[in-house]
């Protein structure tokens, strides 16, 4: 004949002992968004400083090689990458609708940087301007124009920023915010004064150093 134990099963862990599945997915989405946003902005800033287009300009009977980097072609991707970095930090400084707006700004920064990089990839205007400056001929135009892969690397980095913004729009409501040492009401947590033993002079001195009244 079997026996039934009268000891109840242990209660499920609470507090820090148990972690909801939602908190794990929230922390994972935070890490992924930070990685994508930071990496994408870095790629855009670096790639914008590389040569995007090359060509030749006629100087008398010779030809002169001219180049144009991303900043000369269009400064918009780099500017939007800086905006994206600021928005990525601001996402964790605001809550509610403010976080939604900042997340949207992050996504739009990535989209705008990608579109501007692709649409300006030709670089002809920048090369013509460089040719006119180099040859001192305002009517100078480049020939033999060639493109590099850097505009599309810039667009790929911008796509990472866009992905970070979309993650923030989707999961941002559950992300933590800065100022975790404050209660939800907005007031700072009060620290419980240490117990002072009147028979120990060192405790009295420590209380006085903390600005506490050891006699009260």
Protein backbone atom coordinates (compact mmCIF):
# COMPACT_ATOMS: atom_id res chain seq x y z
CA UNK A 1 0.00 0.00 0.00
CA UNK A 2 1.47 3.38 -0.99
CA UNK A 3 1.80 6.38 1.24
CA UNK A 4 0.87 9.94 0.38
CA UNK A 5 3.29 12.52 1.64
CA UNK A 6 1.75 15.25 3.77
CA UNK A 7 4.54 17.65 2.98
CA UNK A 8 3.33 20.20 0.42
CA UNK A 9 5.47 20.78 -2.65
CA UNK A 10 7.81 23.79 -2.50
CA UNK A 11 6.31 27.01 -3.81
CA UNK A 12 7.51 28.25 -7.18
CA UNK A 13 10.46 30.63 -7.02
CA UNK A 14 9.60 34.29 -6.86
CA UNK A 15 11.49 37.55 -7.29
CA UNK A 16 14.95 37.17 -8.71
CA UNK A 17 14.74 33.37 -8.49
CA UNK A 18 12.30 33.18 -11.40
CA UNK A 19 12.58 35.06 -14.64
CA UNK A 20 9.61 35.50 -16.90
CA UNK A 21 10.12 34.48 -20.51
CA UNK A 22 9.10 37.98 -21.55
CA UNK A 23 12.00 39.54 -19.67
CA UNK A 24 14.46 37.31 -21.53
CA UNK A 25 13.04 38.27 -24.91
CA UNK A 26 13.02 41.92 -23.85
CA UNK A 27 16.69 41.86 -22.88
CA UNK A 28 17.52 40.01 -26.08
CA UNK A 29 15.74 42.58 -28.23
CA UNK A 30 17.52 45.40 -26.37
CA UNK A 31 20.92 43.81 -27.02
CA UNK A 32 20.15 43.18 -30.68
CA UNK A 33 18.84 46.71 -31.25
CA UNK A 34 21.87 48.26 -29.58
CA UNK A 35 24.20 46.10 -31.63
CA UNK A 36 22.44 46.84 -34.92
CA UNK A 37 22.11 50.56 -34.28
CA UNK A 38 25.69 51.05 -33.13
CA UNK A 39 27.17 48.85 -35.84
CA UNK A 40 25.03 50.40 -38.57
CA UNK A 41 25.89 53.96 -37.56
CA UNK A 42 29.59 53.12 -37.42
CA UNK A 43 29.48 51.54 -40.88
CA UNK A 44 27.66 54.55 -42.34
CA UNK A 45 30.12 57.04 -40.84
CA UNK A 46 33.16 55.08 -41.99
CA UNK A 47 31.84 54.27 -45.45
CA UNK A 48 30.81 57.90 -46.03
CA UNK A 49 34.45 58.89 -45.81
CA UNK A 50 35.54 56.48 -48.53
CA UNK A 51 35.80 57.13 -52.27
CA UNK A 52 32.41 56.63 -53.91
CA UNK A 53 33.20 57.60 -57.51
CA UNK A 54 36.20 58.12 -59.79
CA UNK A 55 36.64 59.80 -63.14
CA UNK A 56 39.03 61.81 -65.31
CA UNK A 57 39.02 65.47 -66.24
CA UNK A 58 40.64 66.92 -69.34
CA UNK A 59 43.46 69.40 -68.69
CA UNK A 60 44.86 70.69 -71.95
CA UNK A 61 45.88 67.58 -73.83
CA UNK A 62 46.16 65.45 -70.69
CA UNK A 63 43.68 63.85 -68.37
CA UNK A 64 43.62 64.23 -64.60
CA UNK A 65 42.15 61.63 -62.24
CA UNK A 66 39.52 62.99 -59.87
CA UNK A 67 37.72 61.27 -57.02
CA UNK A 68 34.78 62.06 -54.76
CA UNK A 69 34.15 60.58 -51.32
CA UNK A 70 30.78 60.04 -49.73
CA UNK A 71 30.83 63.33 -47.85
CA UNK A 72 31.35 65.20 -51.12
CA UNK A 73 28.62 63.25 -52.88
CA UNK A 74 26.04 63.62 -50.10
CA UNK A 75 26.48 64.41 -46.44
CA UNK A 76 23.00 63.16 -45.56
CA UNK A 77 23.85 59.53 -44.61
CA UNK A 78 26.55 60.61 -42.14
CA UNK A 79 24.30 63.27 -40.63
CA UNK A 80 21.46 60.78 -40.22
CA UNK A 81 23.84 58.25 -38.67
CA UNK A 82 24.66 60.80 -35.95
CA UNK A 83 20.95 61.42 -35.44
CA UNK A 84 20.45 57.65 -35.16
CA UNK A 85 23.12 57.36 -32.46
CA UNK A 86 21.43 60.13 -30.47
CA UNK A 87 18.04 58.49 -30.91
CA UNK A 88 19.45 55.12 -29.85
CA UNK A 89 20.52 56.64 -26.54
CA UNK A 90 17.32 58.67 -26.16
CA UNK A 91 15.18 55.53 -26.51
CA UNK A 92 16.25 54.52 -23.00
CA UNK A 93 15.79 58.00 -21.54
CA UNK A 94 12.07 58.32 -22.31
CA UNK A 95 8.95 56.26 -21.82
CA UNK A 96 5.52 55.88 -23.33
CA UNK A 97 4.72 57.97 -26.39
CA UNK A 98 8.11 59.66 -26.19
CA UNK A 99 9.83 56.32 -26.68
CA UNK A 100 7.56 55.55 -29.62
CA UNK A 101 8.46 58.84 -31.29
CA UNK A 102 12.18 58.37 -30.73
CA UNK A 103 11.98 54.82 -32.07
CA UNK A 104 10.26 56.14 -35.17
CA UNK A 105 13.01 58.73 -35.56
CA UNK A 106 15.60 55.97 -35.33
CA UNK A 107 13.89 53.94 -38.03
CA UNK A 108 13.41 56.96 -40.31
CA UNK A 109 17.08 57.88 -39.90
CA UNK A 110 18.09 54.48 -41.19
CA UNK A 111 15.62 54.61 -44.06
CA UNK A 112 16.68 58.11 -45.08
CA UNK A 113 20.37 57.25 -44.93
CA UNK A 114 19.86 54.15 -47.09
CA UNK A 115 17.80 55.95 -49.73
CA UNK A 116 20.15 58.94 -49.95
CA UNK A 117 23.19 56.67 -50.32
CA UNK A 118 21.61 54.66 -53.13
CA UNK A 119 20.12 57.64 -54.98
CA UNK A 120 23.39 59.60 -54.85
CA UNK A 121 25.65 56.65 -55.64
CA UNK A 122 26.38 57.97 -59.13
CA UNK A 123 28.51 60.82 -57.80
CA UNK A 124 28.66 62.67 -61.11
CA UNK A 125 27.79 66.09 -59.67
CA UNK A 126 30.48 65.78 -57.02
CA UNK A 127 33.03 64.69 -59.63
CA UNK A 128 32.11 67.55 -61.95
CA UNK A 129 32.50 69.99 -59.08
CA UNK A 130 35.88 68.48 -58.22
CA UNK A 131 36.94 68.64 -61.87
CA UNK A 132 35.93 72.32 -62.09
CA UNK A 133 37.86 73.10 -58.93
CA UNK A 134 40.95 71.17 -60.02
CA UNK A 135 41.12 72.53 -63.58
CA UNK A 136 39.80 76.02 -62.74
CA UNK A 137 37.26 75.52 -65.53
CA UNK A 138 33.65 75.90 -64.43
CA UNK A 139 32.48 73.99 -67.51
CA UNK A 140 34.74 70.99 -66.87
CA UNK A 141 33.09 67.59 -66.77
CA UNK A 142 34.41 64.16 -65.89
CA UNK A 143 34.78 61.26 -68.27
CA UNK A 144 35.19 57.59 -67.63
CA UNK A 145 33.11 57.71 -64.46
CA UNK A 146 33.26 54.58 -62.29
CA UNK A 147 31.55 53.77 -59.01
CA UNK A 148 32.86 51.92 -56.00
CA UNK A 149 30.96 49.65 -53.65
CA UNK A 150 31.06 52.11 -50.73
CA UNK A 151 27.68 53.74 -51.42
CA UNK A 152 26.05 50.34 -51.11
CA UNK A 153 28.07 49.52 -48.00
CA UNK A 154 26.68 52.76 -46.59
CA UNK A 155 23.17 51.69 -47.52
CA UNK A 156 23.73 48.31 -45.84
CA UNK A 157 24.81 50.04 -42.64
CA UNK A 158 21.74 52.26 -42.84
CA UNK A 159 19.59 49.14 -43.19
CA UNK A 160 20.97 47.96 -39.84
CA UNK A 161 19.88 51.26 -38.30
CA UNK A 162 16.44 50.79 -39.81
CA UNK A 163 16.25 47.29 -38.31
CA UNK A 164 17.20 48.69 -34.89
CA UNK A 165 14.41 51.25 -35.18
CA UNK A 166 11.87 48.63 -36.14
CA UNK A 167 12.91 46.53 -33.14
CA UNK A 168 12.47 49.56 -30.90
CA UNK A 169 9.01 50.17 -32.33
CA UNK A 170 8.04 46.53 -31.79
CA UNK A 171 9.55 45.77 -28.39
CA UNK A 172 10.50 49.18 -26.99
CA UNK A 173 7.58 49.36 -24.57
CA UNK A 174 9.06 46.56 -22.46
CA UNK A 175 12.61 47.93 -22.44
CA UNK A 176 14.06 49.42 -19.25
CA UNK A 177 14.61 53.13 -18.88
CA UNK A 178 17.39 55.16 -17.37
CA UNK A 179 17.17 56.17 -13.72
CA UNK A 180 16.53 52.72 -12.28
CA UNK A 181 17.46 53.94 -8.81
CA UNK A 182 14.22 55.89 -8.68
CA UNK A 183 10.85 54.45 -7.80
CA UNK A 184 8.06 54.41 -10.34
CA UNK A 185 6.55 57.44 -8.61
CA UNK A 186 9.67 59.38 -9.56
CA UNK A 187 11.00 59.89 -6.02
CA UNK A 188 14.44 58.57 -5.03
CA UNK A 189 14.64 55.58 -2.78
CA UNK A 190 15.38 56.41 0.83
CA UNK A 191 18.26 54.64 2.51
CA UNK A 192 17.56 53.08 5.86
CA UNK A 193 19.98 54.43 8.48
CA UNK A 194 22.40 51.94 9.94
CA UNK A 195 21.85 50.70 13.50
CA UNK A 196 24.13 52.51 15.94
CA UNK A 197 25.36 50.76 19.08
CA UNK A 198 25.83 53.46 21.76
CA UNK A 199 28.36 51.27 23.53
CA UNK A 200 30.69 51.32 20.52
CA UNK A 201 32.38 54.70 19.96
CA UNK A 202 33.33 53.79 16.40
CA UNK A 203 29.64 53.44 15.49
CA UNK A 204 28.93 56.88 16.94
CA UNK A 205 31.72 58.46 14.88
CA UNK A 206 30.53 56.71 11.70
CA UNK A 207 26.99 57.98 12.28
CA UNK A 208 28.26 61.51 12.73
CA UNK A 209 30.27 61.23 9.51
CA UNK A 210 27.11 60.17 7.67
CA UNK A 211 25.29 63.22 9.03
CA UNK A 212 23.03 61.15 11.29
CA UNK A 213 22.08 61.85 14.89
CA UNK A 214 23.24 58.85 16.91
CA UNK A 215 21.25 59.97 19.95
CA UNK A 216 17.90 60.41 18.20
